[in-house]
Amino acid sequence: MEKLIEIGSDYMPYVEFCPNGRLKMEGKIIPEDAEKTFAPWIDYIKNLFSEEVSFDINLMYFNTASSKKLMELLRHLDANNNIKKARVNWHYEEGDEDSLEVAEIFEETLLKVDFHYFEYQECE
């Protein structure tokens, strides 16, 4: 399995998935077709062979369709039997209660993924 990197844009996140279990997604997700956008990421997670996974998620904005697909991606992470330990580091801007609430809902539906929350201040 090779590293998966997608350079971000105004509407798409920067994504870096490494076969050693280091995963990163940051930016905004506002795709025209969420199914098509998330397909390679979900496929990567489904086929990942790494005993431990650390997934840093730092999304400034994601639409409803992306939220649903992100939940699907996390469910596949949770269901992958090749992964013994999974951690999501959820980064959110100070005062962004919506982002925190979505992450807490995600956490409640997963069995083995451990969530850690990191609040940050926007740069001025």
PDB file of N, CA and C in Angstrom:
ATOM      1  N   MET A   1       0.847  -1.171   0.000  1.00  0.00           N
ATOM      2  CA  MET A   1       0.000   0.000   0.000  1.00  0.00           C
ATOM      3  C   MET A   1       0.897   1.239   0.000  1.00  0.00           C
ATOM      4  N   GLU A   2       0.555   2.180  -0.835  1.00  0.00           N
ATOM      5  CA  GLU A   2       1.335   3.413  -0.946  1.00  0.00           C
ATOM      6  C   GLU A   2       0.642   4.560  -0.228  1.00  0.00           C
ATOM      7  N   LYS A   3       1.410   5.601  -0.006  1.00  0.00           N
ATOM      8  CA  LYS A   3       0.878   6.809   0.610  1.00  0.00           C
ATOM      9  C   LYS A   3      -0.147   7.435  -0.331  1.00  0.00           C
ATOM     10  N   LEU A   4      -1.224   7.971   0.241  1.00  0.00           N
ATOM     11  CA  LEU A   4      -2.245   8.684  -0.526  1.00  0.00           C
ATOM     12  C   LEU A   4      -2.176  10.147  -0.120  1.00  0.00           C
ATOM     13  N   ILE A   5      -1.905  11.011  -1.087  1.00  0.00           N
ATOM     14  CA  ILE A   5      -1.859  12.451  -0.809  1.00  0.00           C
ATOM     15  C   ILE A   5      -2.735  13.169  -1.820  1.00  0.00           C
ATOM     16  N   GLU A   6      -3.569  14.053  -1.307  1.00  0.00           N
ATOM     17  CA  GLU A   6      -4.380  14.925  -2.164  1.00  0.00           C
ATOM     18  C   GLU A   6      -4.179  16.348  -1.674  1.00  0.00           C
ATOM     19  N   ILE A   7      -3.748  17.197  -2.578  1.00  0.00           N
ATOM     20  CA  ILE A   7      -3.505  18.598  -2.246  1.00  0.00           C
ATOM     21  C   ILE A   7      -4.847  19.312  -2.130  1.00  0.00           C
ATOM     22  N   GLY A   8      -5.009  20.082  -1.094  1.00  0.00           N
ATOM     23  CA  GLY A   8      -6.262  20.772  -0.843  1.00  0.00           C
ATOM     24  C   GLY A   8      -6.495  21.963  -1.754  1.00  0.00           C
ATOM     25  N   SER A   9      -7.723  22.463  -1.682  1.00  0.00           N
ATOM     26  CA  SER A   9      -8.126  23.660  -2.423  1.00  0.00           C
ATOM     27  C   SER A   9      -9.137  24.410  -1.557  1.00  0.00           C
ATOM     28  N   ASP A  10      -9.785  25.390  -2.144  1.00  0.00           N
ATOM     29  CA  ASP A  10     -10.804  26.135  -1.394  1.00  0.00           C
ATOM     30  C   ASP A  10     -11.999  25.263  -1.029  1.00  0.00           C
ATOM     31  N   TYR A  11     -12.188  24.170  -1.775  1.00  0.00           N
ATOM     32  CA  TYR A  11     -13.361  23.328  -1.572  1.00  0.00           C
ATOM     33  C   TYR A  11     -13.042  21.900  -1.160  1.00  0.00           C
ATOM     34  N   MET A  12     -11.771  21.562  -1.168  1.00  0.00           N
ATOM     35  CA  MET A  12     -11.355  20.196  -0.860  1.00  0.00           C
ATOM     36  C   MET A  12     -10.227  20.211   0.169  1.00  0.00           C
ATOM     37  N   PRO A  13     -10.203  19.221   1.062  1.00  0.00           N
ATOM     38  CA  PRO A  13      -9.174  19.207   2.101  1.00  0.00           C
ATOM     39  C   PRO A  13      -7.837  18.668   1.602  1.00  0.00           C
ATOM     40  N   TYR A  14      -6.809  18.998   2.348  1.00  0.00           N
ATOM     41  CA  TYR A  14      -5.527  18.338   2.178  1.00  0.00           C
ATOM     42  C   TYR A  14      -5.669  16.990   2.880  1.00  0.00           C
ATOM     43  N   VAL A  15      -5.304  15.918   2.192  1.00  0.00           N
ATOM     44  CA  VAL A  15      -5.410  14.568   2.744  1.00  0.00           C
ATOM     45  C   VAL A  15      -4.062  13.884   2.605  1.00  0.00           C
ATOM     46  N   GLU A  16      -3.621  13.285   3.692  1.00  0.00           N
ATOM     47  CA  GLU A  16      -2.393  12.491   3.666  1.00  0.00           C
ATOM     48  C   GLU A  16      -2.642  11.229   4.488  1.00  0.00           C
ATOM     49  N   PHE A  17      -2.723  10.103   3.801  1.00  0.00           N
ATOM     50  CA  PHE A  17      -2.915   8.810   4.448  1.00  0.00           C
ATOM     51  C   PHE A  17      -1.647   7.993   4.217  1.00  0.00           C
ATOM     52  N   CYS A  18      -1.010   7.564   5.289  1.00  0.00           N
ATOM     53  CA  CYS A  18       0.233   6.791   5.202  1.00  0.00           C
ATOM     54  C   CYS A  18      -0.024   5.347   5.638  1.00  0.00           C
ATOM     55  N   PRO A  19       0.646   4.409   5.007  1.00  0.00           N
ATOM     56  CA  PRO A  19       0.447   3.001   5.346  1.00  0.00           C
ATOM     57  C   PRO A  19       0.864   2.642   6.773  1.00  0.00           C
ATOM     58  N   ASN A  20       1.630   3.513   7.432  1.00  0.00           N
ATOM     59  CA  ASN A  20       2.026   3.244   8.813  1.00  0.00           C
ATOM     60  C   ASN A  20       0.938   3.640   9.816  1.00  0.00           C
ATOM     61  N   GLY A  21      -0.213   4.122   9.311  1.00  0.00           N
ATOM     62  CA  GLY A  21      -1.332   4.466  10.188  1.00  0.00           C
ATOM     63  C   GLY A  21      -1.438   5.929  10.552  1.00  0.00           C
ATOM     64  N   ARG A  22      -0.580   6.769  10.008  1.00  0.00           N
ATOM     65  CA  ARG A  22      -0.686   8.218  10.241  1.00  0.00           C
ATOM     66  C   ARG A  22      -1.589   8.802   9.162  1.00  0.00           C
ATOM     67  N   LEU A  23      -2.727   9.320   9.581  1.00  0.00           N
ATOM     68  CA  LEU A  23      -3.711   9.869   8.659  1.00  0.00           C
ATOM     69  C   LEU A  23      -3.957  11.332   9.014  1.00  0.00           C
ATOM     70  N   LYS A  24      -4.170  12.136   7.976  1.00  0.00           N
ATOM     71  CA  LYS A  24      -4.423  13.563   8.199  1.00  0.00           C
ATOM     72  C   LYS A  24      -5.431  14.059   7.175  1.00  0.00           C
ATOM     73  N   MET A  25      -6.371  14.894   7.653  1.00  0.00           N
ATOM     74  CA  MET A  25      -7.329  15.564   6.772  1.00  0.00           C
ATOM     75  C   MET A  25      -7.550  16.952   7.346  1.00  0.00           C
ATOM     76  N   GLU A  26      -7.307  17.970   6.510  1.00  0.00           N
ATOM     77  CA  GLU A  26      -7.488  19.334   7.008  1.00  0.00           C
ATOM     78  C   GLU A  26      -7.936  20.273   5.905  1.00  0.00           C
ATOM     79  N   GLY A  27      -8.713  21.260   6.304  1.00  0.00           N
ATOM     80  CA  GLY A  27      -9.214  22.260   5.364  1.00  0.00           C
ATOM     81  C   GLY A  27     -10.728  22.275   5.342  1.00  0.00           C
ATOM     82  N   LYS A  28     -11.267  22.385   4.149  1.00  0.00           N
ATOM     83  CA  LYS A  28     -12.718  22.408   3.937  1.00  0.00           C
ATOM     84  C   LYS A  28     -13.105  21.255   3.017  1.00  0.00           C
ATOM     85  N   ILE A  29     -14.316  20.733   3.232  1.00  0.00           N
ATOM     86  CA  ILE A  29     -14.844  19.711   2.318  1.00  0.00           C
ATOM     87  C   ILE A  29     -16.211  20.184   1.845  1.00  0.00           C
ATOM     88  N   ILE A  30     -16.235  20.642   0.592  1.00  0.00           N
ATOM     89  CA  ILE A  30     -17.483  21.076  -0.035  1.00  0.00           C
ATOM     90  C   ILE A  30     -17.499  20.488  -1.449  1.00  0.00           C
ATOM     91  N   PRO A  31     -17.585  19.170  -1.566  1.00  0.00           N
ATOM     92  CA  PRO A  31     -17.495  18.546  -2.889  1.00  0.00           C
ATOM     93  C   PRO A  31     -18.810  18.619  -3.652  1.00  0.00           C
ATOM     94  N   GLU A  32     -18.696  18.558  -4.966  1.00  0.00           N
ATOM     95  CA  GLU A  32     -19.890  18.463  -5.798  1.00  0.00           C
ATOM     96  C   GLU A  32     -20.503  17.076  -5.667  1.00  0.00           C
ATOM     97  N   ASP A  33     -19.644  16.058  -5.521  1.00  0.00           N
ATOM     98  CA  ASP A  33     -20.089  14.675  -5.423  1.00  0.00           C
ATOM     99  C   ASP A  33     -19.365  14.019  -4.248  1.00  0.00           C
ATOM    100  N   ALA A  34     -20.000  14.006  -3.083  1.00  0.00           N
ATOM    101  CA  ALA A  34     -19.373  13.467  -1.873  1.00  0.00           C
ATOM    102  C   ALA A  34     -19.047  11.986  -2.023  1.00  0.00           C
ATOM    103  N   GLU A  35     -19.909  11.251  -2.690  1.00  0.00           N
ATOM    104  CA  GLU A  35     -19.677   9.811  -2.898  1.00  0.00           C
ATOM    105  C   GLU A  35     -18.360   9.584  -3.643  1.00  0.00           C
ATOM    106  N   LYS A  36     -18.180  10.299  -4.725  1.00  0.00           N
ATOM    107  CA  LYS A  36     -16.970  10.162  -5.541  1.00  0.00           C
ATOM    108  C   LYS A  36     -15.736  10.671  -4.793  1.00  0.00           C
ATOM    109  N   THR A  37     -15.884  11.761  -4.066  1.00  0.00           N
ATOM    110  CA  THR A  37     -14.775  12.348  -3.322  1.00  0.00           C
ATOM    111  C   THR A  37     -14.261  11.401  -2.245  1.00  0.00           C
ATOM    112  N   PHE A  38     -15.167  10.816  -1.491  1.00  0.00           N
ATOM    113  CA  PHE A  38     -14.779   9.979  -0.357  1.00  0.00           C
ATOM    114  C   PHE A  38     -14.392   8.555  -0.747  1.00  0.00           C
ATOM    115  N   ALA A  39     -14.756   8.105  -1.934  1.00  0.00           N
ATOM    116  CA  ALA A  39     -14.514   6.713  -2.342  1.00  0.00           C
ATOM    117  C   ALA A  39     -13.058   6.272  -2.171  1.00  0.00           C
ATOM    118  N   PRO A  40     -12.062   7.021  -2.659  1.00  0.00           N
ATOM    119  CA  PRO A  40     -10.681   6.541  -2.482  1.00  0.00           C
ATOM    120  C   PRO A  40     -10.223   6.563  -1.024  1.00  0.00           C
ATOM    121  N   TRP A  41     -10.732   7.483  -0.242  1.00  0.00           N
ATOM    122  CA  TRP A  41     -10.358   7.561   1.170  1.00  0.00           C
ATOM    123  C   TRP A  41     -10.943   6.377   1.933  1.00  0.00           C
ATOM    124  N   ILE A  42     -12.201   6.077   1.656  1.00  0.00           N
ATOM    125  CA  ILE A  42     -12.849   4.932   2.305  1.00  0.00           C
ATOM    126  C   ILE A  42     -12.158   3.643   1.893  1.00  0.00           C
ATOM    127  N   ASP A  43     -11.835   3.519   0.621  1.00  0.00           N
ATOM    128  CA  ASP A  43     -11.139   2.330   0.140  1.00  0.00           C
ATOM    129  C   ASP A  43      -9.795   2.174   0.851  1.00  0.00           C
ATOM    130  N   TYR A  44      -9.080   3.264   1.036  1.00  0.00           N
ATOM    131  CA  TYR A  44      -7.785   3.225   1.719  1.00  0.00           C
ATOM    132  C   TYR A  44      -7.961   2.698   3.151  1.00  0.00           C
ATOM    133  N   ILE A  45      -8.937   3.236   3.866  1.00  0.00           N
ATOM    134  CA  ILE A  45      -9.198   2.832   5.254  1.00  0.00           C
ATOM    135  C   ILE A  45      -9.603   1.363   5.331  1.00  0.00           C
ATOM    136  N   LYS A  46     -10.435   0.930   4.403  1.00  0.00           N
ATOM    137  CA  LYS A  46     -10.886  -0.467   4.399  1.00  0.00           C
ATOM    138  C   LYS A  46      -9.721  -1.436   4.207  1.00  0.00           C
ATOM    139  N   ASN A  47      -8.705  -1.027   3.468  1.00  0.00           N
ATOM    140  CA  ASN A  47      -7.583  -1.899   3.138  1.00  0.00           C
ATOM    141  C   ASN A  47      -6.318  -1.627   3.943  1.00  0.00           C
ATOM    142  N   LEU A  48      -6.415  -0.763   4.923  1.00  0.00           N
ATOM    143  CA  LEU A  48      -5.255  -0.391   5.725  1.00  0.00           C
ATOM    144  C   LEU A  48      -4.859  -1.531   6.673  1.00  0.00           C
ATOM    145  N   PHE A  49      -3.593  -1.896   6.655  1.00  0.00           N
ATOM    146  CA  PHE A  49      -3.024  -2.887   7.565  1.00  0.00           C
ATOM    147  C   PHE A  49      -2.027  -2.172   8.463  1.00  0.00           C
ATOM    148  N   SER A  50      -2.505  -1.688   9.579  1.00  0.00           N
ATOM    149  CA  SER A  50      -1.649  -1.014  10.543  1.00  0.00           C
ATOM    150  C   SER A  50      -2.215  -1.290  11.923  1.00  0.00           C
ATOM    151  N   GLU A  51      -1.380  -1.764  12.813  1.00  0.00           N
ATOM    152  CA  GLU A  51      -1.878  -2.113  14.137  1.00  0.00           C
ATOM    153  C   GLU A  51      -2.444  -0.900  14.872  1.00  0.00           C
ATOM    154  N   GLU A  52      -1.795   0.239  14.690  1.00  0.00           N
ATOM    155  CA  GLU A  52      -2.253   1.472  15.325  1.00  0.00           C
ATOM    156  C   GLU A  52      -2.475   2.555  14.272  1.00  0.00           C
ATOM    157  N   VAL A  53      -3.530   3.340  14.484  1.00  0.00           N
ATOM    158  CA  VAL A  53      -3.848   4.446  13.587  1.00  0.00           C
ATOM    159  C   VAL A  53      -4.040   5.709  14.415  1.00  0.00           C
ATOM    160  N   SER A  54      -3.458   6.787  13.931  1.00  0.00           N
ATOM    161  CA  SER A  54      -3.674   8.101  14.505  1.00  0.00           C
ATOM    162  C   SER A  54      -4.156   9.010  13.376  1.00  0.00           C
ATOM    163  N   PHE A  55      -5.381   9.493  13.499  1.00  0.00           N
ATOM    164  CA  PHE A  55      -6.040  10.253  12.445  1.00  0.00           C
ATOM    165  C   PHE A  55      -6.290  11.675  12.935  1.00  0.00           C
ATOM    166  N   ASP A  56      -5.544  12.643  12.379  1.00  0.00           N
ATOM    167  CA  ASP A  56      -5.747  14.050  12.707  1.00  0.00           C
ATOM    168  C   ASP A  56      -6.770  14.642  11.746  1.00  0.00           C
ATOM    169  N   ILE A  57      -7.863  15.145  12.299  1.00  0.00           N
ATOM    170  CA  ILE A  57      -8.917  15.770  11.502  1.00  0.00           C
ATOM    171  C   ILE A  57      -9.041  17.218  11.955  1.00  0.00           C
ATOM    172  N   ASN A  58      -8.823  18.136  11.017  1.00  0.00           N
ATOM    173  CA  ASN A  58      -8.907  19.564  11.294  1.00  0.00           C
ATOM    174  C   ASN A  58      -9.671  20.209  10.141  1.00  0.00           C
ATOM    175  N   LEU A  59     -10.983  20.190  10.252  1.00  0.00           N
ATOM    176  CA  LEU A  59     -11.838  20.690   9.178  1.00  0.00           C
ATOM    177  C   LEU A  59     -12.497  21.996   9.599  1.00  0.00           C
ATOM    178  N   MET A  60     -12.207  23.045   8.843  1.00  0.00           N
ATOM    179  CA  MET A  60     -12.803  24.346   9.129  1.00  0.00           C
ATOM    180  C   MET A  60     -14.284  24.355   8.752  1.00  0.00           C
ATOM    181  N   TYR A  61     -14.621  23.579   7.723  1.00  0.00           N
ATOM    182  CA  TYR A  61     -16.011  23.511   7.284  1.00  0.00           C
ATOM    183  C   TYR A  61     -16.225  22.220   6.502  1.00  0.00           C
ATOM    184  N   PHE A  62     -17.383  21.601   6.713  1.00  0.00           N
ATOM    185  CA  PHE A  62     -17.814  20.464   5.897  1.00  0.00           C
ATOM    186  C   PHE A  62     -19.325  20.510   5.813  1.00  0.00           C
ATOM    187  N   ASN A  63     -19.843  20.211   4.626  1.00  0.00           N
ATOM    188  CA  ASN A  63     -21.285  20.273   4.422  1.00  0.00           C
ATOM    189  C   ASN A  63     -21.951  18.986   4.907  1.00  0.00           C
ATOM    190  N   THR A  64     -23.267  18.935   4.822  1.00  0.00           N
ATOM    191  CA  THR A  64     -24.028  17.790   5.333  1.00  0.00           C
ATOM    192  C   THR A  64     -23.655  16.496   4.629  1.00  0.00           C
ATOM    193  N   ALA A  65     -23.522  16.531   3.317  1.00  0.00           N
ATOM    194  CA  ALA A  65     -23.159  15.319   2.571  1.00  0.00           C
ATOM    195  C   ALA A  65     -21.785  14.817   3.002  1.00  0.00           C
ATOM    196  N   SER A  66     -20.867  15.725   3.226  1.00  0.00           N
ATOM    197  CA  SER A  66     -19.527  15.345   3.668  1.00  0.00           C
ATOM    198  C   SER A  66     -19.545  14.787   5.086  1.00  0.00           C
ATOM    199  N   SER A  67     -20.388  15.332   5.929  1.00  0.00           N
ATOM    200  CA  SER A  67     -20.505  14.831   7.297  1.00  0.00           C
ATOM    201  C   SER A  67     -20.948  13.371   7.295  1.00  0.00           C
ATOM    202  N   LYS A  68     -21.904  13.046   6.451  1.00  0.00           N
ATOM    203  CA  LYS A  68     -22.385  11.663   6.345  1.00  0.00           C
ATOM    204  C   LYS A  68     -21.288  10.732   5.840  1.00  0.00           C
ATOM    205  N   LYS A  69     -20.541  11.175   4.848  1.00  0.00           N
ATOM    206  CA  LYS A  69     -19.470  10.344   4.294  1.00  0.00           C
ATOM    207  C   LYS A  69     -18.292  10.242   5.270  1.00  0.00           C
ATOM    208  N   LEU A  70     -18.030  11.296   6.019  1.00  0.00           N
ATOM    209  CA  LEU A  70     -16.982  11.241   7.033  1.00  0.00           C
ATOM    210  C   LEU A  70     -17.356  10.218   8.105  1.00  0.00           C
ATOM    211  N   MET A  71     -18.627  10.184   8.477  1.00  0.00           N
ATOM    212  CA  MET A  71     -19.081   9.175   9.438  1.00  0.00           C
ATOM    213  C   MET A  71     -18.885   7.776   8.866  1.00  0.00           C
ATOM    214  N   GLU A  72     -19.187   7.592   7.586  1.00  0.00           N
ATOM    215  CA  GLU A  72     -18.981   6.297   6.945  1.00  0.00           C
ATOM    216  C   GLU A  72     -17.499   5.919   6.967  1.00  0.00           C
ATOM    217  N   LEU A  73     -16.639   6.872   6.666  1.00  0.00           N
ATOM    218  CA  LEU A  73     -15.198   6.618   6.686  1.00  0.00           C
ATOM    219  C   LEU A  73     -14.750   6.177   8.081  1.00  0.00           C
ATOM    220  N   LEU A  74     -15.231   6.864   9.120  1.00  0.00           N
ATOM    221  CA  LEU A  74     -14.864   6.516  10.492  1.00  0.00           C
ATOM    222  C   LEU A  74     -15.430   5.155  10.899  1.00  0.00           C
ATOM    223  N   ARG A  75     -16.586   4.808  10.399  1.00  0.00           N
ATOM    224  CA  ARG A  75     -17.146   3.474  10.676  1.00  0.00           C
ATOM    225  C   ARG A  75     -16.278   2.383  10.063  1.00  0.00           C
ATOM    226  N   HIS A  76     -15.747   2.632   8.883  1.00  0.00           N
ATOM    227  CA  HIS A  76     -14.845   1.662   8.262  1.00  0.00           C
ATOM    228  C   HIS A  76     -13.536   1.552   9.053  1.00  0.00           C
ATOM    229  N   LEU A  77     -13.065   2.662   9.569  1.00  0.00           N
ATOM    230  CA  LEU A  77     -11.891   2.639  10.428  1.00  0.00           C
ATOM    231  C   LEU A  77     -12.177   1.772  11.655  1.00  0.00           C
ATOM    232  N   ASP A  78     -13.331   1.976  12.249  1.00  0.00           N
ATOM    233  CA  ASP A  78     -13.739   1.243  13.440  1.00  0.00           C
ATOM    234  C   ASP A  78     -13.901  -0.254  13.160  1.00  0.00           C
ATOM    235  N   ALA A  79     -14.349  -0.597  11.965  1.00  0.00           N
ATOM    236  CA  ALA A  79     -14.644  -1.988  11.608  1.00  0.00           C
ATOM    237  C   ALA A  79     -13.444  -2.750  11.055  1.00  0.00           C
ATOM    238  N   ASN A  80     -12.361  -2.052  10.737  1.00  0.00           N
ATOM    239  CA  ASN A  80     -11.195  -2.713  10.153  1.00  0.00           C
ATOM    240  C   ASN A  80     -10.498  -3.571  11.217  1.00  0.00           C
ATOM    241  N   ASN A  81     -10.587  -4.886  11.071  1.00  0.00           N
ATOM    242  CA  ASN A  81     -10.023  -5.809  12.055  1.00  0.00           C
ATOM    243  C   ASN A  81      -8.504  -5.855  12.047  1.00  0.00           C
ATOM    244  N   ASN A  82      -7.874  -5.277  11.048  1.00  0.00           N
ATOM    245  CA  ASN A  82      -6.412  -5.206  10.998  1.00  0.00           C
ATOM    246  C   ASN A  82      -5.866  -4.084  11.867  1.00  0.00           C
ATOM    247  N   ILE A  83      -6.756  -3.239  12.338  1.00  0.00           N
ATOM    248  CA  ILE A  83      -6.374  -2.115  13.198  1.00  0.00           C
ATOM    249  C   ILE A  83      -6.775  -2.466  14.625  1.00  0.00           C
ATOM    250  N   LYS A  84      -5.803  -2.512  15.504  1.00  0.00           N
ATOM    251  CA  LYS A  84      -6.070  -2.869  16.905  1.00  0.00           C
ATOM    252  C   LYS A  84      -6.385  -1.645  17.759  1.00  0.00           C
ATOM    253  N   LYS A  85      -5.764  -0.529  17.416  1.00  0.00           N
ATOM    254  CA  LYS A  85      -5.935   0.687  18.203  1.00  0.00           C
ATOM    255  C   LYS A  85      -6.081   1.864  17.249  1.00  0.00           C
ATOM    256  N   ALA A  86      -7.158   2.641  17.420  1.00  0.00           N
ATOM    257  CA  ALA A  86      -7.393   3.792  16.546  1.00  0.00           C
ATOM    258  C   ALA A  86      -7.702   5.024  17.388  1.00  0.00           C
ATOM    259  N   ARG A  87      -7.064   6.104  17.020  1.00  0.00           N
ATOM    260  CA  ARG A  87      -7.240   7.374  17.732  1.00  0.00           C
ATOM    261  C   ARG A  87      -7.570   8.456  16.711  1.00  0.00           C
ATOM    262  N   VAL A  88      -8.588   9.239  16.998  1.00  0.00           N
ATOM    263  CA  VAL A  88      -8.915  10.415  16.189  1.00  0.00           C
ATOM    264  C   VAL A  88      -8.593  11.645  17.021  1.00  0.00           C
ATOM    265  N   ASN A  89      -7.763  12.505  16.464  1.00  0.00           N
ATOM    266  CA  ASN A  89      -7.459  13.798  17.076  1.00  0.00           C
ATOM    267  C   ASN A  89      -8.299  14.836  16.346  1.00  0.00           C
ATOM    268  N   TRP A  90      -9.376  15.269  16.987  1.00  0.00           N
ATOM    269  CA  TRP A  90     -10.324  16.202  16.368  1.00  0.00           C
ATOM    270  C   TRP A  90      -9.933  17.624  16.764  1.00  0.00           C
ATOM    271  N   HIS A  91      -9.504  18.411  15.784  1.00  0.00           N
ATOM    272  CA  HIS A  91      -9.097  19.792  15.997  1.00  0.00           C
ATOM    273  C   HIS A  91     -10.258  20.696  15.579  1.00  0.00           C
ATOM    274  N   TYR A  92     -10.579  21.664  16.427  1.00  0.00           N
ATOM    275  CA  TYR A  92     -11.673  22.574  16.109  1.00  0.00           C
ATOM    276  C   TYR A  92     -11.362  23.965  16.648  1.00  0.00           C
ATOM    277  N   GLU A  93     -11.901  24.934  15.935  1.00  0.00           N
ATOM    278  CA  GLU A  93     -11.652  26.326  16.289  1.00  0.00           C
ATOM    279  C   GLU A  93     -12.400  26.697  17.564  1.00  0.00           C
ATOM    280  N   GLU A  94     -11.772  27.523  18.369  1.00  0.00           N
ATOM    281  CA  GLU A  94     -12.373  27.992  19.609  1.00  0.00           C
ATOM    282  C   GLU A  94     -13.781  28.528  19.345  1.00  0.00           C
ATOM    283  N   GLY A  95     -14.743  28.041  20.088  1.00  0.00           N
ATOM    284  CA  GLY A  95     -16.121  28.497  19.951  1.00  0.00           C
ATOM    285  C   GLY A  95     -16.926  27.777  18.883  1.00  0.00           C
ATOM    286  N   ASP A  96     -16.318  26.877  18.146  1.00  0.00           N
ATOM    287  CA  ASP A  96     -17.032  26.144  17.089  1.00  0.00           C
ATOM    288  C   ASP A  96     -17.728  24.928  17.706  1.00  0.00           C
ATOM    289  N   GLU A  97     -18.814  25.208  18.380  1.00  0.00           N
ATOM    290  CA  GLU A  97     -19.559  24.160  19.079  1.00  0.00           C
ATOM    291  C   GLU A  97     -20.176  23.149  18.113  1.00  0.00           C
ATOM    292  N   ASP A  98     -20.515  23.585  16.896  1.00  0.00           N
ATOM    293  CA  ASP A  98     -21.087  22.663  15.912  1.00  0.00           C
ATOM    294  C   ASP A  98     -20.102  21.565  15.548  1.00  0.00           C
ATOM    295  N   SER A  99     -18.858  21.926  15.304  1.00  0.00           N
ATOM    296  CA  SER A  99     -17.835  20.943  14.958  1.00  0.00           C
ATOM    297  C   SER A  99     -17.619  19.973  16.114  1.00  0.00           C
ATOM    298  N   LEU A 100     -17.545  20.500  17.314  1.00  0.00           N
ATOM    299  CA  LEU A 100     -17.347  19.657  18.495  1.00  0.00           C
ATOM    300  C   LEU A 100     -18.530  18.701  18.670  1.00  0.00           C
ATOM    301  N   GLU A 101     -19.732  19.196  18.480  1.00  0.00           N
ATOM    302  CA  GLU A 101     -20.927  18.366  18.629  1.00  0.00           C
ATOM    303  C   GLU A 101     -20.961  17.229  17.605  1.00  0.00           C
ATOM    304  N   VAL A 102     -20.597  17.532  16.377  1.00  0.00           N
ATOM    305  CA  VAL A 102     -20.558  16.494  15.334  1.00  0.00           C
ATOM    306  C   VAL A 102     -19.553  15.416  15.725  1.00  0.00           C
ATOM    307  N   ALA A 103     -18.377  15.819  16.181  1.00  0.00           N
ATOM    308  CA  ALA A 103     -17.354  14.854  16.581  1.00  0.00           C
ATOM    309  C   ALA A 103     -17.834  13.988  17.737  1.00  0.00           C
ATOM    310  N   GLU A 104     -18.527  14.574  18.680  1.00  0.00           N
ATOM    311  CA  GLU A 104     -19.036  13.806  19.823  1.00  0.00           C
ATOM    312  C   GLU A 104     -20.085  12.790  19.374  1.00  0.00           C
ATOM    313  N   ILE A 105     -20.888  13.149  18.390  1.00  0.00           N
ATOM    314  CA  ILE A 105     -21.861  12.203  17.827  1.00  0.00           C
ATOM    315  C   ILE A 105     -21.125  11.061  17.129  1.00  0.00           C
ATOM    316  N   PHE A 106     -20.100  11.400  16.353  1.00  0.00           N
ATOM    317  CA  PHE A 106     -19.284  10.364  15.714  1.00  0.00           C
ATOM    318  C   PHE A 106     -18.725   9.412  16.767  1.00  0.00           C
ATOM    319  N   GLU A 107     -18.158   9.986  17.819  1.00  0.00           N
ATOM    320  CA  GLU A 107     -17.524   9.180  18.866  1.00  0.00           C
ATOM    321  C   GLU A 107     -18.514   8.209  19.500  1.00  0.00           C
ATOM    322  N   GLU A 108     -19.729   8.658  19.737  1.00  0.00           N
ATOM    323  CA  GLU A 108     -20.744   7.821  20.382  1.00  0.00           C
ATOM    324  C   GLU A 108     -21.121   6.600  19.562  1.00  0.00           C
ATOM    325  N   THR A 109     -20.973   6.680  18.251  1.00  0.00           N
ATOM    326  CA  THR A 109     -21.410   5.574  17.389  1.00  0.00           C
ATOM    327  C   THR A 109     -20.305   4.562  17.093  1.00  0.00           C
ATOM    328  N   LEU A 110     -19.089   4.858  17.513  1.00  0.00           N
ATOM    329  CA  LEU A 110     -17.959   3.981  17.212  1.00  0.00           C
ATOM    330  C   LEU A 110     -17.562   3.178  18.453  1.00  0.00           C
ATOM    331  N   LEU A 111     -17.045   1.985  18.224  1.00  0.00           N
ATOM    332  CA  LEU A 111     -16.718   1.095  19.331  1.00  0.00           C
ATOM    333  C   LEU A 111     -15.274   1.207  19.809  1.00  0.00           C
ATOM    334  N   LYS A 112     -14.321   1.168  18.886  1.00  0.00           N
ATOM    335  CA  LYS A 112     -12.922   1.116  19.321  1.00  0.00           C
ATOM    336  C   LYS A 112     -12.124   2.386  19.059  1.00  0.00           C
ATOM    337  N   VAL A 113     -12.677   3.328  18.333  1.00  0.00           N
ATOM    338  CA  VAL A 113     -11.944   4.557  18.027  1.00  0.00           C
ATOM    339  C   VAL A 113     -11.991   5.488  19.241  1.00  0.00           C
ATOM    340  N   ASP A 114     -10.822   5.905  19.664  1.00  0.00           N
ATOM    341  CA  ASP A 114     -10.654   6.788  20.811  1.00  0.00           C
ATOM    342  C   ASP A 114     -10.536   8.228  20.303  1.00  0.00           C
ATOM    343  N   PHE A 115     -11.401   9.118  20.760  1.00  0.00           N
ATOM    344  CA  PHE A 115     -11.384  10.516  20.319  1.00  0.00           C
ATOM    345  C   PHE A 115     -10.670  11.396  21.338  1.00  0.00           C
ATOM    346  N   HIS A 116      -9.885  12.326  20.823  1.00  0.00           N
ATOM    347  CA  HIS A 116      -9.235  13.357  21.628  1.00  0.00           C
ATOM    348  C   HIS A 116      -9.540  14.690  20.954  1.00  0.00           C
ATOM    349  N   TYR A 117      -9.865  15.697  21.762  1.00  0.00           N
ATOM    350  CA  TYR A 117     -10.322  16.979  21.233  1.00  0.00           C
ATOM    351  C   TYR A 117      -9.281  18.066  21.512  1.00  0.00           C
ATOM    352  N   PHE A 118      -9.023  18.870  20.474  1.00  0.00           N
ATOM    353  CA  PHE A 118      -8.031  19.934  20.578  1.00  0.00           C
ATOM    354  C   PHE A 118      -8.651  21.220  20.060  1.00  0.00           C
ATOM    355  N   GLU A 119      -8.878  22.160  20.967  1.00  0.00           N
ATOM    356  CA  GLU A 119      -9.427  23.469  20.604  1.00  0.00           C
ATOM    357  C   GLU A 119      -8.267  24.423  20.330  1.00  0.00           C
ATOM    358  N   TYR A 120      -8.394  25.196  19.256  1.00  0.00           N
ATOM    359  CA  TYR A 120      -7.348  26.159  18.917  1.00  0.00           C
ATOM    360  C   TYR A 120      -7.970  27.512  18.623  1.00  0.00           C
ATOM    361  N   GLN A 121      -7.162  28.558  18.736  1.00  0.00           N
ATOM    362  CA  GLN A 121      -7.618  29.902  18.417  1.00  0.00           C
ATOM    363  C   GLN A 121      -7.256  30.237  16.995  1.00  0.00           C
ATOM    364  N   GLU A 122      -8.157  30.938  16.311  1.00  0.00           N
ATOM    365  CA  GLU A 122      -7.900  31.373  14.950  1.00  0.00           C
ATOM    366  C   GLU A 122      -6.773  32.405  14.954  1.00  0.00           C
ATOM    367  N   CYS A 123      -5.916  32.313  13.954  1.00  0.00           N
ATOM    368  CA  CYS A 123      -4.833  33.286  13.820  1.00  0.00           C
ATOM    369  C   CYS A 123      -5.423  34.638  13.436  1.00  0.00           C
ATOM    370  N   GLU A 124      -4.843  35.684  13.970  1.00  0.00           N
ATOM    371  CA  GLU A 124      -5.327  37.026  13.631  1.00  0.00           C
ATOM    372  C   GLU A 124      -4.417  37.690  12.645  1.00  0.00           C
TER     373      GLU A 124
END
